[in-house]
Amino acid sequence: ARLATKAGTEGREFTIHAPLQHMT
């Protein structure tokens, strides 16, 4: 996402939240 977007190239990085990642 940092490489593929205008925002990313301008230093406005994206966060991918996966809050259930390690839940059963």
PDB file of all heavy atoms in Angstrom:
ATOM      1  N   ALA A   1       0.824  -1.214   0.000  1.00  0.00           N
ATOM      2  CA  ALA A   1       0.000   0.000   0.000  1.00  0.00           C
ATOM      3  C   ALA A   1       0.854   1.258   0.000  1.00  0.00           C
ATOM      4  O   ALA A   1       0.478   2.274  -0.582  1.00  0.00           O
ATOM      5  CB  ALA A   1      -0.938  -0.008   1.199  1.00  0.00           C
ATOM      6  N   ARG A   2       2.010   1.180   0.646  1.00  0.00           N
ATOM      7  CA  ARG A   2       2.911   2.342   0.653  1.00  0.00           C
ATOM      8  C   ARG A   2       3.448   2.623  -0.742  1.00  0.00           C
ATOM      9  O   ARG A   2       3.672   3.783  -1.114  1.00  0.00           O
ATOM     10  CB  ARG A   2       4.076   2.102   1.608  1.00  0.00           C
ATOM     11  CG  ARG A   2       3.703   2.089   3.070  1.00  0.00           C
ATOM     12  CD  ARG A   2       4.926   2.200   3.962  1.00  0.00           C
ATOM     13  NE  ARG A   2       5.827   1.064   3.813  1.00  0.00           N
ATOM     14  CZ  ARG A   2       5.762  -0.039   4.552  1.00  0.00           C
ATOM     15  NH1 ARG A   2       4.824  -0.157   5.473  1.00  0.00           N
ATOM     16  NH2 ARG A   2       6.620  -1.014   4.377  1.00  0.00           N
ATOM     17  N   LEU A   3       3.670   1.555  -1.518  1.00  0.00           N
ATOM     18  CA  LEU A   3       4.273   1.704  -2.836  1.00  0.00           C
ATOM     19  C   LEU A   3       3.253   2.003  -3.932  1.00  0.00           C
ATOM     20  O   LEU A   3       3.604   2.584  -4.960  1.00  0.00           O
ATOM     21  CB  LEU A   3       5.023   0.414  -3.198  1.00  0.00           C
ATOM     22  CG  LEU A   3       6.163  -0.005  -2.264  1.00  0.00           C
ATOM     23  CD1 LEU A   3       6.674  -1.376  -2.666  1.00  0.00           C
ATOM     24  CD2 LEU A   3       7.277   1.029  -2.298  1.00  0.00           C
ATOM     25  N   ALA A   4       2.006   1.589  -3.715  1.00  0.00           N
ATOM     26  CA  ALA A   4       1.017   1.598  -4.794  1.00  0.00           C
ATOM     27  C   ALA A   4       0.129   2.830  -4.824  1.00  0.00           C
ATOM     28  O   ALA A   4      -0.705   2.957  -5.727  1.00  0.00           O
ATOM     29  CB  ALA A   4       0.137   0.351  -4.680  1.00  0.00           C
ATOM     30  N   THR A   5       0.275   3.739  -3.850  1.00  0.00           N
ATOM     31  CA  THR A   5      -0.656   4.860  -3.747  1.00  0.00           C
ATOM     32  C   THR A   5       0.069   6.204  -3.712  1.00  0.00           C
ATOM     33  O   THR A   5       1.218   6.305  -3.277  1.00  0.00           O
ATOM     34  CB  THR A   5      -1.493   4.743  -2.463  1.00  0.00           C
ATOM     35  OG1 THR A   5      -0.613   4.722  -1.322  1.00  0.00           O
ATOM     36  CG2 THR A   5      -2.348   3.488  -2.463  1.00  0.00           C
ATOM     37  N   LYS A   6      -0.626   7.211  -4.152  1.00  0.00           N
ATOM     38  CA  LYS A   6      -0.123   8.585  -4.050  1.00  0.00           C
ATOM     39  C   LYS A   6       0.109   8.947  -2.586  1.00  0.00           C
ATOM     40  O   LYS A   6       1.138   9.537  -2.234  1.00  0.00           O
ATOM     41  CB  LYS A   6      -1.122   9.543  -4.688  1.00  0.00           C
ATOM     42  CG  LYS A   6      -0.756  11.022  -4.603  1.00  0.00           C
ATOM     43  CD  LYS A   6      -1.792  11.852  -5.349  1.00  0.00           C
ATOM     44  CE  LYS A   6      -1.448  13.338  -5.334  1.00  0.00           C
ATOM     45  NZ  LYS A   6      -1.639  13.936  -3.977  1.00  0.00           N
ATOM     46  N   ALA A   7      -0.869   8.573  -1.741  1.00  0.00           N
ATOM     47  CA  ALA A   7      -0.729   8.878  -0.318  1.00  0.00           C
ATOM     48  C   ALA A   7       0.522   8.242   0.256  1.00  0.00           C
ATOM     49  O   ALA A   7       1.259   8.868   1.023  1.00  0.00           O
ATOM     50  CB  ALA A   7      -1.971   8.390   0.433  1.00  0.00           C
ATOM     51  N   GLY A   8       0.785   6.987  -0.109  1.00  0.00           N
ATOM     52  CA  GLY A   8       1.949   6.296   0.410  1.00  0.00           C
ATOM     53  C   GLY A   8       3.254   6.935  -0.013  1.00  0.00           C
ATOM     54  O   GLY A   8       4.181   7.076   0.781  1.00  0.00           O
ATOM     55  N   THR A   9       3.317   7.356  -1.265  1.00  0.00           N
ATOM     56  CA  THR A   9       4.555   7.982  -1.755  1.00  0.00           C
ATOM     57  C   THR A   9       4.774   9.351  -1.120  1.00  0.00           C
ATOM     58  O   THR A   9       5.906   9.845  -1.089  1.00  0.00           O
ATOM     59  CB  THR A   9       4.529   8.137  -3.287  1.00  0.00           C
ATOM     60  OG1 THR A   9       3.424   8.969  -3.669  1.00  0.00           O
ATOM     61  CG2 THR A   9       4.402   6.772  -3.960  1.00  0.00           C
ATOM     62  N   GLU A  10       3.705   9.946  -0.595  1.00  0.00           N
ATOM     63  CA  GLU A  10       3.816  11.237   0.080  1.00  0.00           C
ATOM     64  C   GLU A  10       4.012  11.081   1.585  1.00  0.00           C
ATOM     65  O   GLU A  10       3.993  12.060   2.322  1.00  0.00           O
ATOM     66  CB  GLU A  10       2.560  12.071  -0.189  1.00  0.00           C
ATOM     67  CG  GLU A  10       2.437  12.492  -1.652  1.00  0.00           C
ATOM     68  CD  GLU A  10       1.120  13.197  -1.970  1.00  0.00           C
ATOM     69  OE1 GLU A  10       0.194  13.169  -1.114  1.00  0.00           O
ATOM     70  OE2 GLU A  10       1.023  13.787  -3.061  1.00  0.00           O
ATOM     71  N   GLY A  11       4.213   9.844   2.026  1.00  0.00           N
ATOM     72  CA  GLY A  11       4.506   9.600   3.430  1.00  0.00           C
ATOM     73  C   GLY A  11       3.297   9.383   4.312  1.00  0.00           C
ATOM     74  O   GLY A  11       3.429   9.264   5.528  1.00  0.00           O
ATOM     75  N   ARG A  12       2.115   9.340   3.710  1.00  0.00           N
ATOM     76  CA  ARG A  12       0.893   9.099   4.490  1.00  0.00           C
ATOM     77  C   ARG A  12       0.568   7.612   4.403  1.00  0.00           C
ATOM     78  O   ARG A  12      -0.150   7.178   3.512  1.00  0.00           O
ATOM     79  CB  ARG A  12      -0.253   9.962   3.958  1.00  0.00           C
ATOM     80  CG  ARG A  12      -0.042  11.453   4.210  1.00  0.00           C
ATOM     81  CD  ARG A  12      -1.092  12.285   3.512  1.00  0.00           C
ATOM     82  NE  ARG A  12      -0.870  12.312   2.058  1.00  0.00           N
ATOM     83  CZ  ARG A  12      -1.838  12.499   1.165  1.00  0.00           C
ATOM     84  NH1 ARG A  12      -3.092  12.635   1.557  1.00  0.00           N
ATOM     85  NH2 ARG A  12      -1.557  12.548  -0.127  1.00  0.00           N
ATOM     86  N   GLU A  13       1.126   6.866   5.313  1.00  0.00           N
ATOM     87  CA  GLU A  13       1.074   5.416   5.222  1.00  0.00           C
ATOM     88  C   GLU A  13      -0.262   4.853   5.695  1.00  0.00           C
ATOM     89  O   GLU A  13      -0.960   5.452   6.509  1.00  0.00           O
ATOM     90  CB  GLU A  13       2.222   4.809   6.023  1.00  0.00           C
ATOM     91  CG  GLU A  13       3.592   5.188   5.463  1.00  0.00           C
ATOM     92  CD  GLU A  13       4.723   4.468   6.165  1.00  0.00           C
ATOM     93  OE1 GLU A  13       4.459   3.747   7.147  1.00  0.00           O
ATOM     94  OE2 GLU A  13       5.883   4.620   5.717  1.00  0.00           O
ATOM     95  N   PHE A  14      -0.584   3.687   5.180  1.00  0.00           N
ATOM     96  CA  PHE A  14      -1.815   2.985   5.534  1.00  0.00           C
ATOM     97  C   PHE A  14      -1.529   1.937   6.596  1.00  0.00           C
ATOM     98  O   PHE A  14      -0.454   1.340   6.634  1.00  0.00           O
ATOM     99  CB  PHE A  14      -2.406   2.305   4.300  1.00  0.00           C
ATOM    100  CG  PHE A  14      -2.931   3.258   3.270  1.00  0.00           C
ATOM    101  CD1 PHE A  14      -2.068   3.814   2.322  1.00  0.00           C
ATOM    102  CD2 PHE A  14      -4.270   3.618   3.242  1.00  0.00           C
ATOM    103  CE1 PHE A  14      -2.542   4.695   1.366  1.00  0.00           C
ATOM    104  CE2 PHE A  14      -4.752   4.489   2.289  1.00  0.00           C
ATOM    105  CZ  PHE A  14      -3.884   5.039   1.346  1.00  0.00           C
ATOM    106  N   THR A  15      -2.511   1.707   7.444  1.00  0.00           N
ATOM    107  CA  THR A  15      -2.440   0.644   8.436  1.00  0.00           C
ATOM    108  C   THR A  15      -3.535  -0.366   8.135  1.00  0.00           C
ATOM    109  O   THR A  15      -4.706   0.004   7.980  1.00  0.00           O
ATOM    110  CB  THR A  15      -2.634   1.193   9.862  1.00  0.00           C
ATOM    111  OG1 THR A  15      -1.601   2.145  10.138  1.00  0.00           O
ATOM    112  CG2 THR A  15      -2.568   0.061  10.885  1.00  0.00           C
ATOM    113  N   ILE A  16      -3.152  -1.634   8.024  1.00  0.00           N
ATOM    114  CA  ILE A  16      -4.122  -2.704   7.820  1.00  0.00           C
ATOM    115  C   ILE A  16      -4.389  -3.341   9.182  1.00  0.00           C
ATOM    116  O   ILE A  16      -3.505  -3.959   9.764  1.00  0.00           O
ATOM    117  CB  ILE A  16      -3.603  -3.775   6.837  1.00  0.00           C
ATOM    118  CG1 ILE A  16      -2.997  -3.127   5.591  1.00  0.00           C
ATOM    119  CG2 ILE A  16      -4.731  -4.741   6.479  1.00  0.00           C
ATOM    120  CD1 ILE A  16      -3.939  -2.234   4.808  1.00  0.00           C
ATOM    121  N   HIS A  17      -5.587  -3.150   9.685  1.00  0.00           N
ATOM    122  CA  HIS A  17      -5.961  -3.679  10.989  1.00  0.00           C
ATOM    123  C   HIS A  17      -6.594  -5.057  10.802  1.00  0.00           C
ATOM    124  O   HIS A  17      -7.555  -5.210  10.045  1.00  0.00           O
ATOM    125  CB  HIS A  17      -6.974  -2.769  11.681  1.00  0.00           C
ATOM    126  CG  HIS A  17      -6.497  -1.360  11.884  1.00  0.00           C
ATOM    127  ND1 HIS A  17      -5.957  -0.926  13.080  1.00  0.00           N
ATOM    128  CD2 HIS A  17      -6.490  -0.289  11.039  1.00  0.00           C
ATOM    129  CE1 HIS A  17      -5.639   0.364  12.963  1.00  0.00           C
ATOM    130  NE2 HIS A  17      -5.944   0.762  11.740  1.00  0.00           N
ATOM    131  N   ALA A  18      -6.075  -6.040  11.503  1.00  0.00           N
ATOM    132  CA  ALA A  18      -6.633  -7.396  11.480  1.00  0.00           C
ATOM    133  C   ALA A  18      -6.828  -7.832  12.930  1.00  0.00           C
ATOM    134  O   ALA A  18      -6.101  -8.679  13.444  1.00  0.00           O
ATOM    135  CB  ALA A  18      -5.711  -8.355  10.726  1.00  0.00           C
ATOM    136  N   PRO A  19      -7.822  -7.246  13.621  1.00  0.00           N
ATOM    137  CA  PRO A  19      -7.952  -7.445  15.068  1.00  0.00           C
ATOM    138  C   PRO A  19      -8.306  -8.867  15.482  1.00  0.00           C
ATOM    139  O   PRO A  19      -8.149  -9.217  16.655  1.00  0.00           O
ATOM    140  CB  PRO A  19      -9.063  -6.465  15.464  1.00  0.00           C
ATOM    141  CG  PRO A  19      -9.854  -6.253  14.206  1.00  0.00           C
ATOM    142  CD  PRO A  19      -8.848  -6.318  13.100  1.00  0.00           C
ATOM    143  N   LEU A  20      -8.775  -9.692  14.542  1.00  0.00           N
ATOM    144  CA  LEU A  20      -9.138 -11.066  14.877  1.00  0.00           C
ATOM    145  C   LEU A  20      -8.032 -12.059  14.505  1.00  0.00           C
ATOM    146  O   LEU A  20      -8.205 -13.266  14.660  1.00  0.00           O
ATOM    147  CB  LEU A  20     -10.419 -11.481  14.140  1.00  0.00           C
ATOM    148  CG  LEU A  20     -11.592 -10.513  14.147  1.00  0.00           C
ATOM    149  CD1 LEU A  20     -12.808 -11.165  13.508  1.00  0.00           C
ATOM    150  CD2 LEU A  20     -11.908 -10.012  15.537  1.00  0.00           C
ATOM    151  N   GLN A  21      -6.908 -11.533  14.032  1.00  0.00           N
ATOM    152  CA  GLN A  21      -5.858 -12.367  13.440  1.00  0.00           C
ATOM    153  C   GLN A  21      -5.470 -13.553  14.311  1.00  0.00           C
ATOM    154  O   GLN A  21      -5.305 -14.674  13.835  1.00  0.00           O
ATOM    155  CB  GLN A  21      -4.624 -11.506  13.172  1.00  0.00           C
ATOM    156  CG  GLN A  21      -3.495 -12.219  12.460  1.00  0.00           C
ATOM    157  CD  GLN A  21      -3.701 -12.328  10.968  1.00  0.00           C
ATOM    158  OE1 GLN A  21      -3.496 -11.383  10.259  1.00  0.00           O
ATOM    159  NE2 GLN A  21      -4.130 -13.475  10.505  1.00  0.00           N
ATOM    160  N   HIS A  22      -5.314 -13.321  15.600  1.00  0.00           N
ATOM    161  CA  HIS A  22      -4.821 -14.375  16.483  1.00  0.00           C
ATOM    162  C   HIS A  22      -5.890 -14.856  17.464  1.00  0.00           C
ATOM    163  O   HIS A  22      -5.555 -15.414  18.518  1.00  0.00           O
ATOM    164  CB  HIS A  22      -3.572 -13.888  17.225  1.00  0.00           C
ATOM    165  CG  HIS A  22      -2.468 -13.479  16.294  1.00  0.00           C
ATOM    166  ND1 HIS A  22      -1.807 -14.387  15.490  1.00  0.00           N
ATOM    167  CD2 HIS A  22      -1.945 -12.257  16.003  1.00  0.00           C
ATOM    168  CE1 HIS A  22      -0.898 -13.746  14.760  1.00  0.00           C
ATOM    169  NE2 HIS A  22      -0.972 -12.463  15.045  1.00  0.00           N
ATOM    170  N   MET A  23      -7.145 -14.671  17.115  1.00  0.00           N
ATOM    171  CA  MET A  23      -8.246 -15.168  17.947  1.00  0.00           C
ATOM    172  C   MET A  23      -8.716 -16.529  17.451  1.00  0.00           C
ATOM    173  O   MET A  23      -8.669 -16.815  16.255  1.00  0.00           O
ATOM    174  CB  MET A  23      -9.437 -14.207  17.897  1.00  0.00           C
ATOM    175  CG  MET A  23      -9.235 -12.879  18.580  1.00  0.00           C
ATOM    176  SD  MET A  23     -10.798 -11.941  18.580  1.00  0.00           S
ATOM    177  CE  MET A  23     -10.248 -10.388  19.275  1.00  0.00           C
ATOM    178  N   THR A  24      -9.188 -17.344  18.371  1.00  0.00           N
ATOM    179  CA  THR A  24      -9.893 -18.559  17.989  1.00  0.00           C
ATOM    180  C   THR A  24     -11.343 -18.187  17.667  1.00  0.00           C
ATOM    181  O   THR A  24     -11.795 -17.074  17.972  1.00  0.00           O
ATOM    182  CB  THR A  24      -9.884 -19.593  19.122  1.00  0.00           C
ATOM    183  OG1 THR A  24     -10.628 -19.060  20.229  1.00  0.00           O
ATOM    184  CG2 THR A  24      -8.455 -19.907  19.568  1.00  0.00           C
TER     185      THR A  24
END
